């Protein structure tokens, strides 16, 4: 019996750049005269760790007769792993026809290069992506508070109790807005750093975001104390705060991850 699917790849080897992930496209063709569903699964071969692979596009395809679609597999080894050559393939089956055995695709390999012994400043490390992502994310978080927060308008006239109560209520609202702003700054910076690294396909995006989330709590408190000692000029504070509260801890978090995983920053 002929196979219902044909699986091809443009190459059988992927060479990963240092500390970067790789992607391998596969073409799945429906060889029958009937519409078929194609579900793809990565099959690691030999000693390849299963958690290094993920189907990021085309995991489930609906293919008209004699048509094809693309499956994209992402290879994401942890930072700092030893140099090696690993093999894998994808298997494709039709979930609507469980009696058919999965159709195996071609065996492919990916090559993890050795880490460089000496620091090379030209090697992309992810600092710029982290800095931009954390800064933009933190700014968006603060902007959300500025655009939505408003103190309520009160007209107490000569009513002293109303005036005192209004001052107390405004003080409480300001504290809530301040804490909300810090929370959104924290969440925005963390998500921004993670997004920036993922968009640029750098490894260690989750670990960097986690380090930044942990670091930002004591860092923010320390920087707020430092800023209060340096100046009370609002313009200076608005200039320094985004740099000290988001960009600097983002770079420090990225450096810590690289140092732990690759032994150099």
C-alpha atoms as a PDB file:
ATOM      1  CA  UNK A   1       0.000   0.000   0.000  1.00  0.00           C
ATOM      2  CA  UNK A   2       1.402   3.395  -0.982  1.00  0.00           C
ATOM      3  CA  UNK A   3       2.062   5.983   1.699  1.00  0.00           C
ATOM      4  CA  UNK A   4      -0.616   8.700   2.055  1.00  0.00           C
ATOM      5  CA  UNK A   5       2.027  11.342   2.793  1.00  0.00           C
ATOM      6  CA  UNK A   6       5.390  12.336   1.364  1.00  0.00           C
ATOM      7  CA  UNK A   7       7.756  14.266   3.652  1.00  0.00           C
ATOM      8  CA  UNK A   8      10.721  16.208   2.317  1.00  0.00           C
ATOM      9  CA  UNK A   9      13.219  18.745   3.687  1.00  0.00           C
ATOM     10  CA  UNK A  10      15.349  21.283   1.792  1.00  0.00           C
ATOM     11  CA  UNK A  11      18.446  20.073   3.648  1.00  0.00           C
ATOM     12  CA  UNK A  12      19.326  17.342   6.096  1.00  0.00           C
ATOM     13  CA  UNK A  13      21.649  19.447   8.275  1.00  0.00           C
ATOM     14  CA  UNK A  14      21.189  22.546  10.414  1.00  0.00           C
ATOM     15  CA  UNK A  15      24.211  24.302  11.892  1.00  0.00           C
ATOM     16  CA  UNK A  16      23.245  26.311  14.957  1.00  0.00           C
ATOM     17  CA  UNK A  17      24.973  29.627  15.528  1.00  0.00           C
ATOM     18  CA  UNK A  18      26.521  29.932  18.970  1.00  0.00           C
ATOM     19  CA  UNK A  19      23.876  30.475  21.657  1.00  0.00           C
ATOM     20  CA  UNK A  20      21.088  30.675  19.070  1.00  0.00           C
ATOM     21  CA  UNK A  21      18.210  28.399  18.144  1.00  0.00           C
ATOM     22  CA  UNK A  22      17.667  26.834  14.742  1.00  0.00           C
ATOM     23  CA  UNK A  23      14.667  25.989  12.589  1.00  0.00           C
ATOM     24  CA  UNK A  24      14.103  23.229  10.041  1.00  0.00           C
ATOM     25  CA  UNK A  25      11.230  23.338   7.528  1.00  0.00           C
ATOM     26  CA  UNK A  26       9.582  20.178   6.219  1.00  0.00           C
ATOM     27  CA  UNK A  27       7.115  19.857   3.358  1.00  0.00           C
ATOM     28  CA  UNK A  28       4.256  17.395   3.879  1.00  0.00           C
ATOM     29  CA  UNK A  29       2.385  16.389   0.730  1.00  0.00           C
ATOM     30  CA  UNK A  30      -0.954  14.598   0.517  1.00  0.00           C
ATOM     31  CA  UNK A  31      -0.391  11.885  -2.076  1.00  0.00           C
ATOM     32  CA  UNK A  32      -4.011  10.719  -2.198  1.00  0.00           C
ATOM     33  CA  UNK A  33      -7.086  11.854  -4.090  1.00  0.00           C
ATOM     34  CA  UNK A  34      -8.918  12.511  -0.816  1.00  0.00           C
ATOM     35  CA  UNK A  35      -8.552  15.394   1.655  1.00  0.00           C
ATOM     36  CA  UNK A  36      -6.406  14.349   4.603  1.00  0.00           C
ATOM     37  CA  UNK A  37      -5.493  15.752   7.987  1.00  0.00           C
ATOM     38  CA  UNK A  38      -1.788  15.609   8.768  1.00  0.00           C
ATOM     39  CA  UNK A  39      -0.553  15.694  12.357  1.00  0.00           C
ATOM     40  CA  UNK A  40       3.201  16.028  12.795  1.00  0.00           C
ATOM     41  CA  UNK A  41       5.361  14.960  15.737  1.00  0.00           C
ATOM     42  CA  UNK A  42       9.095  15.315  16.254  1.00  0.00           C
ATOM     43  CA  UNK A  43      10.932  12.038  16.841  1.00  0.00           C
ATOM     44  CA  UNK A  44      14.385  12.532  18.431  1.00  0.00           C
ATOM     45  CA  UNK A  45      16.891   9.906  17.312  1.00  0.00           C
ATOM     46  CA  UNK A  46      19.667   8.325  19.352  1.00  0.00           C
ATOM     47  CA  UNK A  47      20.473  10.601  22.310  1.00  0.00           C
ATOM     48  CA  UNK A  48      18.770  13.794  21.160  1.00  0.00           C
ATOM     49  CA  UNK A  49      16.786  15.270  24.119  1.00  0.00           C
ATOM     50  CA  UNK A  50      13.058  15.527  23.294  1.00  0.00           C
ATOM     51  CA  UNK A  51      12.656  18.862  25.079  1.00  0.00           C
ATOM     52  CA  UNK A  52      14.981  20.537  22.583  1.00  0.00           C
ATOM     53  CA  UNK A  53      12.355  20.288  19.834  1.00  0.00           C
ATOM     54  CA  UNK A  54       9.050  21.993  19.214  1.00  0.00           C
ATOM     55  CA  UNK A  55       6.740  22.174  16.202  1.00  0.00           C
ATOM     56  CA  UNK A  56       6.089  25.905  15.898  1.00  0.00           C
ATOM     57  CA  UNK A  57       4.029  25.898  12.697  1.00  0.00           C
ATOM     58  CA  UNK A  58       1.983  23.342  10.797  1.00  0.00           C
ATOM     59  CA  UNK A  59       1.630  20.828  13.609  1.00  0.00           C
ATOM     60  CA  UNK A  60      -1.834  19.989  12.290  1.00  0.00           C
ATOM     61  CA  UNK A  61      -2.553  20.540   8.609  1.00  0.00           C
ATOM     62  CA  UNK A  62      -5.691  20.062   6.532  1.00  0.00           C
ATOM     63  CA  UNK A  63      -4.487  19.100   3.074  1.00  0.00           C
ATOM     64  CA  UNK A  64      -6.706  18.988  -0.031  1.00  0.00           C
ATOM     65  CA  UNK A  65      -6.046  16.149  -2.497  1.00  0.00           C
ATOM     66  CA  UNK A  66      -2.585  16.258  -4.088  1.00  0.00           C
ATOM     67  CA  UNK A  67      -1.542  19.338  -2.123  1.00  0.00           C
ATOM     68  CA  UNK A  68       1.170  20.124   0.397  1.00  0.00           C
ATOM     69  CA  UNK A  69       1.856  22.230   3.467  1.00  0.00           C
ATOM     70  CA  UNK A  70       4.852  23.240   5.549  1.00  0.00           C
ATOM     71  CA  UNK A  71       5.821  22.079   9.018  1.00  0.00           C
ATOM     72  CA  UNK A  72       8.400  24.142  10.910  1.00  0.00           C
ATOM     73  CA  UNK A  73      10.417  22.547  13.705  1.00  0.00           C
ATOM     74  CA  UNK A  74      12.308  24.720  16.160  1.00  0.00           C
ATOM     75  CA  UNK A  75      15.498  23.389  17.741  1.00  0.00           C
ATOM     76  CA  UNK A  76      16.199  25.095  21.054  1.00  0.00           C
ATOM     77  CA  UNK A  77      19.080  23.552  23.053  1.00  0.00           C
ATOM     78  CA  UNK A  78      19.890  25.100  26.438  1.00  0.00           C
ATOM     79  CA  UNK A  79      22.642  27.660  26.708  1.00  0.00           C
ATOM     80  CA  UNK A  80      26.090  26.264  27.358  1.00  0.00           C
ATOM     81  CA  UNK A  81      25.491  22.666  26.232  1.00  0.00           C
ATOM     82  CA  UNK A  82      28.464  20.720  24.906  1.00  0.00           C
ATOM     83  CA  UNK A  83      29.176  20.639  21.203  1.00  0.00           C
ATOM     84  CA  UNK A  84      27.447  17.709  19.545  1.00  0.00           C
ATOM     85  CA  UNK A  85      25.635  16.432  16.490  1.00  0.00           C
ATOM     86  CA  UNK A  86      22.093  15.206  17.071  1.00  0.00           C
ATOM     87  CA  UNK A  87      19.551  13.597  14.763  1.00  0.00           C
ATOM     88  CA  UNK A  88      15.783  13.739  14.503  1.00  0.00           C
ATOM     89  CA  UNK A  89      12.909  13.325  12.092  1.00  0.00           C
ATOM     90  CA  UNK A  90       9.212  14.055  11.994  1.00  0.00           C
ATOM     91  CA  UNK A  91       6.450  11.482  11.741  1.00  0.00           C
ATOM     92  CA  UNK A  92       3.125  12.373  10.143  1.00  0.00           C
ATOM     93  CA  UNK A  93      -0.184  10.583  10.521  1.00  0.00           C
ATOM     94  CA  UNK A  94      -3.852  11.234   9.922  1.00  0.00           C
ATOM     95  CA  UNK A  95      -5.687  11.471  13.295  1.00  0.00           C
ATOM     96  CA  UNK A  96      -8.944  10.635  11.487  1.00  0.00           C
ATOM     97  CA  UNK A  97      -7.476   7.307  10.403  1.00  0.00           C
ATOM     98  CA  UNK A  98      -5.771   5.810  13.482  1.00  0.00           C
ATOM     99  CA  UNK A  99      -5.268   2.415  11.838  1.00  0.00           C
ATOM    100  CA  UNK A 100      -2.634   3.840   9.486  1.00  0.00           C
ATOM    101  CA  UNK A 101       0.912   3.799  10.841  1.00  0.00           C
ATOM    102  CA  UNK A 102       2.706   7.153  11.056  1.00  0.00           C
ATOM    103  CA  UNK A 103       4.727   8.030   7.984  1.00  0.00           C
ATOM    104  CA  UNK A 104       8.380   8.734   8.899  1.00  0.00           C
ATOM    105  CA  UNK A 105      10.183  11.660   7.393  1.00  0.00           C
ATOM    106  CA  UNK A 106      13.847  11.908   6.436  1.00  0.00           C
ATOM    107  CA  UNK A 107      16.454  11.757   9.181  1.00  0.00           C
ATOM    108  CA  UNK A 108      18.004  15.177   9.745  1.00  0.00           C
ATOM    109  CA  UNK A 109      20.832  16.365  11.941  1.00  0.00           C
ATOM    110  CA  UNK A 110      21.659  19.565  13.719  1.00  0.00           C
ATOM    111  CA  UNK A 111      25.084  20.598  14.885  1.00  0.00           C
ATOM    112  CA  UNK A 112      25.640  22.435  18.158  1.00  0.00           C
ATOM    113  CA  UNK A 113      28.958  24.286  17.820  1.00  0.00           C
ATOM    114  CA  UNK A 114      31.490  24.464  20.668  1.00  0.00           C
ATOM    115  CA  UNK A 115      31.450  27.565  22.821  1.00  0.00           C
ATOM    116  CA  UNK A 116      34.238  29.964  22.016  1.00  0.00           C
ATOM    117  CA  UNK A 117      37.073  29.953  24.526  1.00  0.00           C
ATOM    118  CA  UNK A 118      37.667  33.688  24.247  1.00  0.00           C
ATOM    119  CA  UNK A 119      35.149  36.463  24.380  1.00  0.00           C
ATOM    120  CA  UNK A 120      34.227  37.733  20.936  1.00  0.00           C
ATOM    121  CA  UNK A 121      32.497  41.132  21.042  1.00  0.00           C
ATOM    122  CA  UNK A 122      31.056  40.536  17.577  1.00  0.00           C
ATOM    123  CA  UNK A 123      29.063  37.487  18.742  1.00  0.00           C
ATOM    124  CA  UNK A 124      25.405  38.439  19.360  1.00  0.00           C
ATOM    125  CA  UNK A 125      24.710  38.061  23.079  1.00  0.00           C
ATOM    126  CA  UNK A 126      21.214  39.482  23.423  1.00  0.00           C
ATOM    127  CA  UNK A 127      22.076  42.559  25.475  1.00  0.00           C
ATOM    128  CA  UNK A 128      20.570  45.049  23.045  1.00  0.00           C
ATOM    129  CA  UNK A 129      17.396  42.993  22.633  1.00  0.00           C
ATOM    130  CA  UNK A 130      17.050  42.748  26.421  1.00  0.00           C
ATOM    131  CA  UNK A 131      17.724  46.445  26.955  1.00  0.00           C
ATOM    132  CA  UNK A 132      15.236  47.596  24.331  1.00  0.00           C
ATOM    133  CA  UNK A 133      12.611  45.053  25.342  1.00  0.00           C
ATOM    134  CA  UNK A 134      12.771  45.809  29.073  1.00  0.00           C
ATOM    135  CA  UNK A 135      12.804  49.575  28.503  1.00  0.00           C
ATOM    136  CA  UNK A 136       9.876  49.575  26.083  1.00  0.00           C
ATOM    137  CA  UNK A 137       7.876  47.139  28.214  1.00  0.00           C
ATOM    138  CA  UNK A 138       8.447  49.189  31.366  1.00  0.00           C
ATOM    139  CA  UNK A 139       7.546  52.420  29.566  1.00  0.00           C
ATOM    140  CA  UNK A 140       4.299  50.904  28.302  1.00  0.00           C
ATOM    141  CA  UNK A 141       3.432  49.783  31.829  1.00  0.00           C
ATOM    142  CA  UNK A 142       4.014  53.271  33.218  1.00  0.00           C
ATOM    143  CA  UNK A 143       2.134  54.848  30.314  1.00  0.00           C
ATOM    144  CA  UNK A 144      -0.894  52.701  31.097  1.00  0.00           C
ATOM    145  CA  UNK A 145      -1.040  54.138  34.614  1.00  0.00           C
ATOM    146  CA  UNK A 146      -0.537  57.738  33.438  1.00  0.00           C
ATOM    147  CA  UNK A 147      -3.323  57.447  30.879  1.00  0.00           C
ATOM    148  CA  UNK A 148      -5.854  55.752  33.139  1.00  0.00           C
ATOM    149  CA  UNK A 149      -5.250  57.272  36.571  1.00  0.00           C
ATOM    150  CA  UNK A 150      -7.244  60.332  37.528  1.00  0.00           C
ATOM    151  CA  UNK A 151      -7.972  61.769  40.959  1.00  0.00           C
ATOM    152  CA  UNK A 152     -11.706  62.259  41.470  1.00  0.00           C
ATOM    153  CA  UNK A 153     -13.001  65.829  41.430  1.00  0.00           C
ATOM    154  CA  UNK A 154     -14.661  66.959  44.656  1.00  0.00           C
ATOM    155  CA  UNK A 155     -16.516  70.113  45.587  1.00  0.00           C
ATOM    156  CA  UNK A 156     -16.684  70.157  49.383  1.00  0.00           C
ATOM    157  CA  UNK A 157     -17.244  73.883  49.731  1.00  0.00           C
ATOM    158  CA  UNK A 158     -16.940  74.807  53.415  1.00  0.00           C
ATOM    159  CA  UNK A 159     -17.426  71.221  54.630  1.00  0.00           C
ATOM    160  CA  UNK A 160     -14.210  70.522  56.601  1.00  0.00           C
ATOM    161  CA  UNK A 161     -14.958  66.822  57.104  1.00  0.00           C
ATOM    162  CA  UNK A 162     -15.444  66.399  53.349  1.00  0.00           C
ATOM    163  CA  UNK A 163     -12.152  68.201  52.620  1.00  0.00           C
ATOM    164  CA  UNK A 164     -10.176  66.124  55.137  1.00  0.00           C
ATOM    165  CA  UNK A 165     -11.790  62.933  53.894  1.00  0.00           C
ATOM    166  CA  UNK A 166     -11.008  63.898  50.296  1.00  0.00           C
ATOM    167  CA  UNK A 167      -7.337  64.501  51.117  1.00  0.00           C
ATOM    168  CA  UNK A 168      -7.107  61.110  52.835  1.00  0.00           C
ATOM    169  CA  UNK A 169      -8.869  59.377  49.923  1.00  0.00           C
ATOM    170  CA  UNK A 170      -6.576  61.067  47.382  1.00  0.00           C
ATOM    171  CA  UNK A 171      -3.543  59.982  49.404  1.00  0.00           C
ATOM    172  CA  UNK A 172      -4.746  56.373  49.381  1.00  0.00           C
ATOM    173  CA  UNK A 173      -5.415  56.562  45.637  1.00  0.00           C
ATOM    174  CA  UNK A 174      -1.926  57.956  45.020  1.00  0.00           C
ATOM    175  CA  UNK A 175      -0.394  55.072  46.960  1.00  0.00           C
ATOM    176  CA  UNK A 176      -2.457  52.575  44.959  1.00  0.00           C
ATOM    177  CA  UNK A 177      -1.446  54.268  41.706  1.00  0.00           C
ATOM    178  CA  UNK A 178       2.217  54.248  42.763  1.00  0.00           C
ATOM    179  CA  UNK A 179       2.152  50.539  43.649  1.00  0.00           C
ATOM    180  CA  UNK A 180       0.220  49.746  40.473  1.00  0.00           C
ATOM    181  CA  UNK A 181       2.790  51.657  38.472  1.00  0.00           C
ATOM    182  CA  UNK A 182       5.629  49.668  40.045  1.00  0.00           C
ATOM    183  CA  UNK A 183       3.784  46.421  39.341  1.00  0.00           C
ATOM    184  CA  UNK A 184       3.157  47.328  35.701  1.00  0.00           C
ATOM    185  CA  UNK A 185       6.757  48.485  35.386  1.00  0.00           C
ATOM    186  CA  UNK A 186       7.895  45.106  36.738  1.00  0.00           C
ATOM    187  CA  UNK A 187       5.562  43.076  34.519  1.00  0.00           C
ATOM    188  CA  UNK A 188       6.172  45.233  31.431  1.00  0.00           C
ATOM    189  CA  UNK A 189       9.965  45.079  31.749  1.00  0.00           C
ATOM    190  CA  UNK A 190       9.974  41.328  32.306  1.00  0.00           C
ATOM    191  CA  UNK A 191       7.629  40.603  29.407  1.00  0.00           C
ATOM    192  CA  UNK A 192       9.447  43.105  27.206  1.00  0.00           C
ATOM    193  CA  UNK A 193      12.836  41.474  27.810  1.00  0.00           C
ATOM    194  CA  UNK A 194      11.371  38.025  27.103  1.00  0.00           C
ATOM    195  CA  UNK A 195       9.676  39.263  23.925  1.00  0.00           C
ATOM    196  CA  UNK A 196      12.787  41.043  22.666  1.00  0.00           C
ATOM    197  CA  UNK A 197      14.913  37.927  23.054  1.00  0.00           C
ATOM    198  CA  UNK A 198      12.272  35.666  21.497  1.00  0.00           C
ATOM    199  CA  UNK A 199      11.785  37.950  18.508  1.00  0.00           C
ATOM    200  CA  UNK A 200      15.524  37.857  17.852  1.00  0.00           C
ATOM    201  CA  UNK A 201      15.657  34.069  18.479  1.00  0.00           C
ATOM    202  CA  UNK A 202      18.144  34.249  21.344  1.00  0.00           C
ATOM    203  CA  UNK A 203      18.406  31.361  23.748  1.00  0.00           C
ATOM    204  CA  UNK A 204      17.775  31.853  27.456  1.00  0.00           C
ATOM    205  CA  UNK A 205      14.821  34.216  27.044  1.00  0.00           C
ATOM    206  CA  UNK A 206      12.793  32.586  29.825  1.00  0.00           C
ATOM    207  CA  UNK A 207      15.745  32.441  32.225  1.00  0.00           C
ATOM    208  CA  UNK A 208      16.662  36.062  31.526  1.00  0.00           C
ATOM    209  CA  UNK A 209      13.078  37.186  32.149  1.00  0.00           C
ATOM    210  CA  UNK A 210      12.970  35.181  35.394  1.00  0.00           C
ATOM    211  CA  UNK A 211      16.246  36.686  36.593  1.00  0.00           C
ATOM    212  CA  UNK A 212      14.975  40.164  35.732  1.00  0.00           C
ATOM    213  CA  UNK A 213      11.693  39.583  37.578  1.00  0.00           C
ATOM    214  CA  UNK A 214      13.582  38.540  40.711  1.00  0.00           C
ATOM    215  CA  UNK A 215      16.229  41.266  40.447  1.00  0.00           C
ATOM    216  CA  UNK A 216      13.797  44.122  39.877  1.00  0.00           C
ATOM    217  CA  UNK A 217      12.203  43.923  43.329  1.00  0.00           C
ATOM    218  CA  UNK A 218      15.303  44.769  45.425  1.00  0.00           C
ATOM    219  CA  UNK A 219      16.792  46.797  42.574  1.00  0.00           C
ATOM    220  CA  UNK A 220      13.764  49.106  42.324  1.00  0.00           C
ATOM    221  CA  UNK A 221      13.765  49.748  46.066  1.00  0.00           C
ATOM    222  CA  UNK A 222      17.504  50.497  46.048  1.00  0.00           C
ATOM    223  CA  UNK A 223      17.281  52.808  43.027  1.00  0.00           C
ATOM    224  CA  UNK A 224      14.301  54.691  44.435  1.00  0.00           C
ATOM    225  CA  UNK A 225      16.272  55.335  47.610  1.00  0.00           C
ATOM    226  CA  UNK A 226      19.303  56.403  45.554  1.00  0.00           C
ATOM    227  CA  UNK A 227      17.271  58.756  43.365  1.00  0.00           C
ATOM    228  CA  UNK A 228      15.743  60.369  46.438  1.00  0.00           C
ATOM    229  CA  UNK A 229      19.261  61.132  47.677  1.00  0.00           C
ATOM    230  CA  UNK A 230      20.529  62.418  44.331  1.00  0.00           C
ATOM    231  CA  UNK A 231      17.844  64.896  43.334  1.00  0.00           C
ATOM    232  CA  UNK A 232      14.254  65.988  43.791  1.00  0.00           C
ATOM    233  CA  UNK A 233      14.075  67.553  40.311  1.00  0.00           C
ATOM    234  CA  UNK A 234      11.113  65.984  38.521  1.00  0.00           C
ATOM    235  CA  UNK A 235      12.668  66.341  35.042  1.00  0.00           C
ATOM    236  CA  UNK A 236      15.885  64.615  36.130  1.00  0.00           C
ATOM    237  CA  UNK A 237      13.895  61.852  37.802  1.00  0.00           C
ATOM    238  CA  UNK A 238      11.837  61.266  34.639  1.00  0.00           C
ATOM    239  CA  UNK A 239      15.069  60.939  32.634  1.00  0.00           C
ATOM    240  CA  UNK A 240      16.979  58.721  35.053  1.00  0.00           C
ATOM    241  CA  UNK A 241      14.150  56.481  36.275  1.00  0.00           C
ATOM    242  CA  UNK A 242      13.528  54.544  33.017  1.00  0.00           C
ATOM    243  CA  UNK A 243      17.267  53.927  32.584  1.00  0.00           C
ATOM    244  CA  UNK A 244      17.990  52.868  36.158  1.00  0.00           C
ATOM    245  CA  UNK A 245      14.771  50.940  36.800  1.00  0.00           C
ATOM    246  CA  UNK A 246      14.481  48.944  33.548  1.00  0.00           C
ATOM    247  CA  UNK A 247      17.484  49.098  31.210  1.00  0.00           C
ATOM    248  CA  UNK A 248      20.241  48.519  33.777  1.00  0.00           C
ATOM    249  CA  UNK A 249      18.642  45.539  35.572  1.00  0.00           C
ATOM    250  CA  UNK A 250      17.728  44.030  32.195  1.00  0.00           C
ATOM    251  CA  UNK A 251      21.356  44.086  31.066  1.00  0.00           C
ATOM    252  CA  UNK A 252      22.520  42.749  34.435  1.00  0.00           C
ATOM    253  CA  UNK A 253      20.026  39.879  34.261  1.00  0.00           C
ATOM    254  CA  UNK A 254      21.150  38.958  30.752  1.00  0.00           C
ATOM    255  CA  UNK A 255      24.811  39.083  31.792  1.00  0.00           C
ATOM    256  CA  UNK A 256      24.125  36.815  34.762  1.00  0.00           C
ATOM    257  CA  UNK A 257      22.412  34.224  32.560  1.00  0.00           C
ATOM    258  CA  UNK A 258      25.236  34.242  30.014  1.00  0.00           C
ATOM    259  CA  UNK A 259      27.858  33.971  32.745  1.00  0.00           C
ATOM    260  CA  UNK A 260      26.130  30.974  34.315  1.00  0.00           C
ATOM    261  CA  UNK A 261      25.486  29.143  31.062  1.00  0.00           C
ATOM    262  CA  UNK A 262      28.490  30.045  28.887  1.00  0.00           C
ATOM    263  CA  UNK A 263      31.114  31.049  31.476  1.00  0.00           C
ATOM    264  CA  UNK A 264      31.527  34.488  29.945  1.00  0.00           C
ATOM    265  CA  UNK A 265      29.326  37.540  29.612  1.00  0.00           C
END
